[in-house]
Amino acid sequence: MSRSPGGRRTIDPLKAAEAAFKKATTKPIEGPAPAPSIPGVKESVTLRIDQDVLEFFQQDGPGWQDRINAALRKAAGK
């Protein structure tokens, strides 16, 4: 507690206690909510799969990543 030059308290103990209580019980301000997923936006990932599975999807040429994505969607029930 601080005291004035005359020896008197400069801070009201009741106000200090109320301020401390308010600080301890007030919810902190939360950051922004996570952005919702945007349909059709793809994310680059690293995926380890068996060589024979990769060869199966690559045998029809370009578009093999889309074919893997379609198979995973189907497996996920989407």
C-alpha atoms as a PDB file:
ATOM      1  CA  MET A   1       0.000   0.000   0.000  1.00  0.00           C
ATOM      2  CA  SER A   2       1.301   3.409  -0.735  1.00  0.00           C
ATOM      3  CA  ARG A   3       1.104   6.238   1.726  1.00  0.00           C
ATOM      4  CA  SER A   4       0.964   9.928   1.105  1.00  0.00           C
ATOM      5  CA  PRO A   5       3.676  12.190   2.571  1.00  0.00           C
ATOM      6  CA  GLY A   6       1.432  12.787   5.576  1.00  0.00           C
ATOM      7  CA  GLY A   7       1.297   9.042   6.338  1.00  0.00           C
ATOM      8  CA  ARG A   8      -2.249   8.493   5.039  1.00  0.00           C
ATOM      9  CA  ARG A   9      -3.201   5.706   2.675  1.00  0.00           C
ATOM     10  CA  THR A  10      -3.761   6.859  -0.901  1.00  0.00           C
ATOM     11  CA  ILE A  11      -5.541   3.693  -2.019  1.00  0.00           C
ATOM     12  CA  ASP A  12      -8.893   2.675  -0.603  1.00  0.00           C
ATOM     13  CA  PRO A  13      -8.514  -0.995   0.525  1.00  0.00           C
ATOM     14  CA  LEU A  14     -12.115  -1.812  -0.427  1.00  0.00           C
ATOM     15  CA  LYS A  15     -11.643  -0.458  -3.960  1.00  0.00           C
ATOM     16  CA  ALA A  16      -8.324  -2.318  -4.281  1.00  0.00           C
ATOM     17  CA  ALA A  17      -9.968  -5.584  -3.175  1.00  0.00           C
ATOM     18  CA  GLU A  18     -12.874  -5.101  -5.586  1.00  0.00           C
ATOM     19  CA  ALA A  19     -10.473  -4.378  -8.450  1.00  0.00           C
ATOM     20  CA  ALA A  20      -8.427  -7.496  -7.630  1.00  0.00           C
ATOM     21  CA  PHE A  21     -11.595  -9.621  -7.449  1.00  0.00           C
ATOM     22  CA  LYS A  22     -12.840  -8.254 -10.769  1.00  0.00           C
ATOM     23  CA  LYS A  23      -9.473  -8.936 -12.402  1.00  0.00           C
ATOM     24  CA  ALA A  24      -9.426 -12.515 -11.074  1.00  0.00           C
ATOM     25  CA  THR A  25     -12.994 -13.341 -12.094  1.00  0.00           C
ATOM     26  CA  THR A  26     -13.280 -11.607 -15.466  1.00  0.00           C
ATOM     27  CA  LYS A  27     -13.031 -13.860 -18.516  1.00  0.00           C
ATOM     28  CA  PRO A  28     -10.088 -12.968 -20.727  1.00  0.00           C
ATOM     29  CA  ILE A  29     -10.902 -11.626 -24.170  1.00  0.00           C
ATOM     30  CA  GLU A  30     -10.725 -14.483 -26.615  1.00  0.00           C
ATOM     31  CA  GLY A  31      -8.977 -14.197 -29.959  1.00  0.00           C
ATOM     32  CA  PRO A  32     -10.795 -14.388 -33.259  1.00  0.00           C
ATOM     33  CA  ALA A  33     -12.728 -17.546 -33.979  1.00  0.00           C
ATOM     34  CA  PRO A  34     -11.060 -20.004 -36.340  1.00  0.00           C
ATOM     35  CA  ALA A  35     -11.973 -19.460 -39.952  1.00  0.00           C
ATOM     36  CA  PRO A  36     -14.615 -21.867 -41.248  1.00  0.00           C
ATOM     37  CA  SER A  37     -13.450 -24.387 -43.797  1.00  0.00           C
ATOM     38  CA  ILE A  38     -14.089 -23.290 -47.351  1.00  0.00           C
ATOM     39  CA  PRO A  39     -15.549 -25.933 -49.655  1.00  0.00           C
ATOM     40  CA  GLY A  40     -13.325 -26.853 -52.577  1.00  0.00           C
ATOM     41  CA  VAL A  41     -10.117 -25.514 -51.034  1.00  0.00           C
ATOM     42  CA  LYS A  42      -7.411 -28.151 -50.990  1.00  0.00           C
ATOM     43  CA  GLU A  43      -4.616 -28.439 -48.464  1.00  0.00           C
ATOM     44  CA  SER A  44      -1.182 -29.772 -49.261  1.00  0.00           C
ATOM     45  CA  VAL A  45      -0.204 -32.707 -47.016  1.00  0.00           C
ATOM     46  CA  THR A  46       2.389 -35.448 -46.913  1.00  0.00           C
ATOM     47  CA  LEU A  47       0.863 -38.917 -46.969  1.00  0.00           C
ATOM     48  CA  ARG A  48       2.714 -42.203 -46.705  1.00  0.00           C
ATOM     49  CA  ILE A  49       0.975 -45.001 -48.607  1.00  0.00           C
ATOM     50  CA  ASP A  50       2.087 -48.380 -49.917  1.00  0.00           C
ATOM     51  CA  GLN A  51       3.822 -48.374 -53.307  1.00  0.00           C
ATOM     52  CA  ASP A  52       1.277 -50.747 -54.876  1.00  0.00           C
ATOM     53  CA  VAL A  53      -1.588 -48.457 -53.837  1.00  0.00           C
ATOM     54  CA  LEU A  54       0.163 -45.445 -55.349  1.00  0.00           C
ATOM     55  CA  GLU A  55       0.851 -47.351 -58.581  1.00  0.00           C
ATOM     56  CA  PHE A  56      -2.838 -48.327 -58.786  1.00  0.00           C
ATOM     57  CA  PHE A  57      -3.937 -44.677 -58.733  1.00  0.00           C
ATOM     58  CA  GLN A  58      -1.116 -43.528 -61.034  1.00  0.00           C
ATOM     59  CA  GLN A  59      -1.675 -46.170 -63.722  1.00  0.00           C
ATOM     60  CA  ASP A  60      -4.374 -44.091 -65.445  1.00  0.00           C
ATOM     61  CA  GLY A  61      -2.050 -41.081 -65.713  1.00  0.00           C
ATOM     62  CA  PRO A  62      -2.610 -37.480 -64.597  1.00  0.00           C
ATOM     63  CA  GLY A  63      -5.350 -36.874 -62.060  1.00  0.00           C
ATOM     64  CA  TRP A  64      -4.181 -39.599 -59.694  1.00  0.00           C
ATOM     65  CA  GLN A  65      -4.264 -37.215 -56.725  1.00  0.00           C
ATOM     66  CA  ASP A  66      -7.909 -36.390 -57.489  1.00  0.00           C
ATOM     67  CA  ARG A  67      -8.681 -40.117 -57.695  1.00  0.00           C
ATOM     68  CA  ILE A  68      -7.058 -40.709 -54.286  1.00  0.00           C
ATOM     69  CA  ASN A  69      -9.059 -37.772 -52.886  1.00  0.00           C
ATOM     70  CA  ALA A  70     -12.301 -39.235 -54.294  1.00  0.00           C
ATOM     71  CA  ALA A  71     -11.512 -42.655 -52.776  1.00  0.00           C
ATOM     72  CA  LEU A  72     -10.780 -41.085 -49.395  1.00  0.00           C
ATOM     73  CA  ARG A  73     -14.012 -39.055 -49.564  1.00  0.00           C
ATOM     74  CA  LYS A  74     -15.972 -42.223 -50.266  1.00  0.00           C
ATOM     75  CA  ALA A  75     -14.236 -44.037 -47.379  1.00  0.00           C
ATOM     76  CA  ALA A  76     -15.059 -41.088 -45.101  1.00  0.00           C
ATOM     77  CA  GLY A  77     -18.743 -41.274 -46.083  1.00  0.00           C
ATOM     78  CA  LYS A  78     -18.836 -37.893 -47.788  1.00  0.00           C
END
